[in-house]
């Protein structure tokens, strides 16, 4: 772990750690939403490469992976 980050985390109190956890969770959720495949992106004219990527992403989500 980056030393600066490790020092920051070690110096946070319980409230600060909880706020950091919520912030990280919100950021991860936002990134997931931004990168998620939308139904309107799936169509019959998709290239094989895009179809394969969509299949893999849907399978990943169904498995509950991050």
N, C-alpha and C. Protein backbone atom coordinates (compact mmCIF):
# COMPACT_ATOMS: atom_id res chain seq x y z
N UNK A 1 0.86 -1.18 0.00
CA UNK A 1 0.00 0.00 0.00
C UNK A 1 0.90 1.24 0.00
N UNK A 2 0.49 2.25 -0.70
CA UNK A 2 1.22 3.51 -0.74
C UNK A 2 1.40 4.03 0.68
N UNK A 3 2.62 4.43 1.03
CA UNK A 3 2.93 4.86 2.40
C UNK A 3 2.09 6.07 2.83
N UNK A 4 1.90 7.05 1.95
CA UNK A 4 1.08 8.22 2.30
C UNK A 4 -0.35 7.80 2.63
N UNK A 5 -0.88 6.92 1.81
CA UNK A 5 -2.25 6.45 2.03
C UNK A 5 -2.32 5.65 3.33
N UNK A 6 -1.33 4.80 3.56
CA UNK A 6 -1.31 3.99 4.77
C UNK A 6 -1.26 4.88 6.01
N UNK A 7 -0.43 5.93 5.98
CA UNK A 7 -0.35 6.86 7.10
C UNK A 7 -1.68 7.58 7.32
N UNK A 8 -2.32 7.99 6.23
CA UNK A 8 -3.60 8.67 6.33
C UNK A 8 -4.62 7.76 7.01
N UNK A 9 -4.71 6.52 6.55
CA UNK A 9 -5.68 5.58 7.10
C UNK A 9 -5.40 5.30 8.57
N UNK A 10 -4.13 5.12 8.91
CA UNK A 10 -3.77 4.83 10.30
C UNK A 10 -4.12 5.98 11.24
N UNK A 11 -4.13 7.20 10.73
CA UNK A 11 -4.39 8.37 11.57
C UNK A 11 -5.87 8.74 11.65
N UNK A 12 -6.73 8.05 10.90
CA UNK A 12 -8.15 8.36 10.94
C UNK A 12 -8.81 7.71 12.16
N UNK A 13 -9.76 8.43 12.74
CA UNK A 13 -10.53 7.84 13.83
C UNK A 13 -11.64 6.97 13.23
N UNK A 14 -12.43 6.38 14.08
CA UNK A 14 -13.50 5.47 13.62
C UNK A 14 -14.46 6.17 12.66
N UNK A 15 -14.86 7.39 13.01
CA UNK A 15 -15.77 8.16 12.14
C UNK A 15 -15.14 8.44 10.79
N UNK A 16 -13.87 8.82 10.81
CA UNK A 16 -13.16 9.11 9.57
C UNK A 16 -13.03 7.89 8.69
N UNK A 17 -12.74 6.73 9.29
CA UNK A 17 -12.65 5.50 8.52
C UNK A 17 -13.99 5.13 7.90
N UNK A 18 -15.06 5.33 8.66
CA UNK A 18 -16.39 5.03 8.14
C UNK A 18 -16.74 5.95 6.97
N UNK A 19 -16.40 7.22 7.09
CA UNK A 19 -16.64 8.17 6.01
C UNK A 19 -15.82 7.80 4.77
N UNK A 20 -14.58 7.39 4.99
CA UNK A 20 -13.72 6.96 3.88
C UNK A 20 -14.34 5.74 3.19
N UNK A 21 -14.82 4.78 3.98
CA UNK A 21 -15.46 3.58 3.43
C UNK A 21 -16.67 3.94 2.57
N UNK A 22 -17.51 4.85 3.09
CA UNK A 22 -18.70 5.28 2.32
C UNK A 22 -18.30 5.98 1.04
N UNK A 23 -17.27 6.82 1.12
CA UNK A 23 -16.81 7.55 -0.07
C UNK A 23 -16.27 6.61 -1.13
N UNK A 24 -15.49 5.63 -0.69
CA UNK A 24 -14.93 4.66 -1.64
C UNK A 24 -16.06 3.82 -2.25
N UNK A 25 -17.00 3.39 -1.44
CA UNK A 25 -18.14 2.61 -1.96
C UNK A 25 -18.94 3.42 -2.98
N UNK A 26 -19.17 4.69 -2.69
CA UNK A 26 -19.92 5.55 -3.62
C UNK A 26 -19.15 5.74 -4.92
N UNK A 27 -17.85 5.92 -4.82
CA UNK A 27 -17.02 6.09 -6.02
C UNK A 27 -17.03 4.82 -6.87
N UNK A 28 -16.91 3.68 -6.22
CA UNK A 28 -16.93 2.41 -6.95
C UNK A 28 -18.28 2.21 -7.64
N UNK A 29 -19.37 2.53 -6.95
CA UNK A 29 -20.70 2.40 -7.53
C UNK A 29 -20.86 3.32 -8.73
N UNK A 30 -20.37 4.55 -8.60
CA UNK A 30 -20.46 5.51 -9.71
C UNK A 30 -19.69 5.02 -10.92
N UNK A 31 -18.50 4.49 -10.69
CA UNK A 31 -17.69 3.97 -11.80
C UNK A 31 -18.36 2.77 -12.45
N UNK A 32 -18.95 1.89 -11.62
CA UNK A 32 -19.66 0.73 -12.16
C UNK A 32 -20.82 1.17 -13.04
N UNK A 33 -21.57 2.17 -12.56
CA UNK A 33 -22.72 2.67 -13.33
C UNK A 33 -22.26 3.29 -14.65
N UNK A 34 -21.15 4.01 -14.60
CA UNK A 34 -20.64 4.68 -15.79
C UNK A 34 -20.20 3.66 -16.84
N UNK A 35 -19.63 2.53 -16.40
CA UNK A 35 -19.10 1.54 -17.32
C UNK A 35 -20.08 0.41 -17.64
N UNK A 36 -21.24 0.44 -17.01
CA UNK A 36 -22.21 -0.65 -17.20
C UNK A 36 -22.77 -0.64 -18.61
N UNK A 37 -23.05 -1.82 -19.10
CA UNK A 37 -23.68 -1.95 -20.40
C UNK A 37 -25.16 -1.60 -20.24
N UNK A 38 -25.63 -0.73 -21.08
CA UNK A 38 -27.04 -0.32 -21.07
C UNK A 38 -27.79 -1.13 -22.12
N UNK A 39 -29.04 -1.41 -21.86
CA UNK A 39 -29.84 -2.20 -22.80
C UNK A 39 -29.85 -1.57 -24.20
N UNK A 40 -29.87 -0.26 -24.28
CA UNK A 40 -29.90 0.39 -25.59
C UNK A 40 -28.60 0.21 -26.37
N UNK A 41 -27.53 -0.25 -25.69
CA UNK A 41 -26.26 -0.50 -26.36
C UNK A 41 -26.25 -1.87 -27.05
N UNK A 42 -27.22 -2.71 -26.72
CA UNK A 42 -27.28 -4.05 -27.29
C UNK A 42 -28.27 -4.03 -28.46
N UNK A 43 -27.77 -4.40 -29.63
CA UNK A 43 -28.61 -4.37 -30.83
C UNK A 43 -28.10 -5.40 -31.83
N UNK A 44 -28.95 -5.78 -32.79
CA UNK A 44 -28.58 -6.82 -33.76
C UNK A 44 -27.35 -6.48 -34.61
N UNK A 45 -27.08 -5.22 -34.82
CA UNK A 45 -25.96 -4.83 -35.69
C UNK A 45 -24.61 -4.74 -34.98
N UNK A 46 -24.54 -5.22 -33.76
CA UNK A 46 -23.29 -5.14 -32.99
C UNK A 46 -22.21 -6.01 -33.65
N UNK A 47 -20.97 -5.56 -33.53
CA UNK A 47 -19.87 -6.38 -34.02
C UNK A 47 -19.70 -7.59 -33.11
N UNK A 48 -19.06 -8.62 -33.60
CA UNK A 48 -18.82 -9.82 -32.79
C UNK A 48 -18.01 -9.47 -31.54
N UNK A 49 -17.07 -8.55 -31.69
CA UNK A 49 -16.24 -8.13 -30.55
C UNK A 49 -17.10 -7.49 -29.46
N UNK A 50 -18.00 -6.62 -29.86
CA UNK A 50 -18.88 -5.95 -28.89
C UNK A 50 -19.87 -6.93 -28.27
N UNK A 51 -20.37 -7.87 -29.07
CA UNK A 51 -21.27 -8.89 -28.53
C UNK A 51 -20.56 -9.72 -27.48
N UNK A 52 -19.32 -10.11 -27.77
CA UNK A 52 -18.53 -10.90 -26.83
C UNK A 52 -18.29 -10.13 -25.54
N UNK A 53 -17.95 -8.85 -25.66
CA UNK A 53 -17.72 -8.01 -24.48
C UNK A 53 -19.01 -7.88 -23.66
N UNK A 54 -20.14 -7.73 -24.33
CA UNK A 54 -21.43 -7.62 -23.63
C UNK A 54 -21.76 -8.91 -22.89
N UNK A 55 -21.53 -10.04 -23.54
CA UNK A 55 -21.79 -11.34 -22.91
C UNK A 55 -20.92 -11.50 -21.65
N UNK A 56 -19.66 -11.16 -21.77
CA UNK A 56 -18.75 -11.29 -20.62
C UNK A 56 -19.16 -10.36 -19.48
N UNK A 57 -19.57 -9.14 -19.80
CA UNK A 57 -19.97 -8.18 -18.77
C UNK A 57 -21.26 -8.64 -18.08
N UNK A 58 -22.21 -9.12 -18.84
CA UNK A 58 -23.46 -9.61 -18.25
C UNK A 58 -23.18 -10.80 -17.35
N UNK A 59 -22.34 -11.72 -17.79
CA UNK A 59 -21.99 -12.90 -16.98
C UNK A 59 -21.29 -12.47 -15.69
N UNK A 60 -20.39 -11.49 -15.79
CA UNK A 60 -19.67 -11.00 -14.61
C UNK A 60 -20.64 -10.43 -13.58
N UNK A 61 -21.60 -9.65 -14.04
CA UNK A 61 -22.58 -9.04 -13.15
C UNK A 61 -23.46 -10.11 -12.51
N UNK A 62 -23.88 -11.09 -13.30
CA UNK A 62 -24.72 -12.15 -12.79
C UNK A 62 -24.00 -12.99 -11.74
N UNK A 63 -22.68 -13.12 -11.88
CA UNK A 63 -21.89 -13.84 -10.88
C UNK A 63 -21.68 -13.00 -9.62
N UNK A 64 -22.00 -11.70 -9.70
CA UNK A 64 -21.86 -10.82 -8.54
C UNK A 64 -20.44 -10.31 -8.35
N UNK A 65 -19.64 -10.36 -9.39
CA UNK A 65 -18.26 -9.88 -9.29
C UNK A 65 -18.22 -8.37 -9.42
N UNK A 66 -17.21 -7.79 -8.84
CA UNK A 66 -17.02 -6.33 -8.91
C UNK A 66 -16.28 -5.95 -10.16
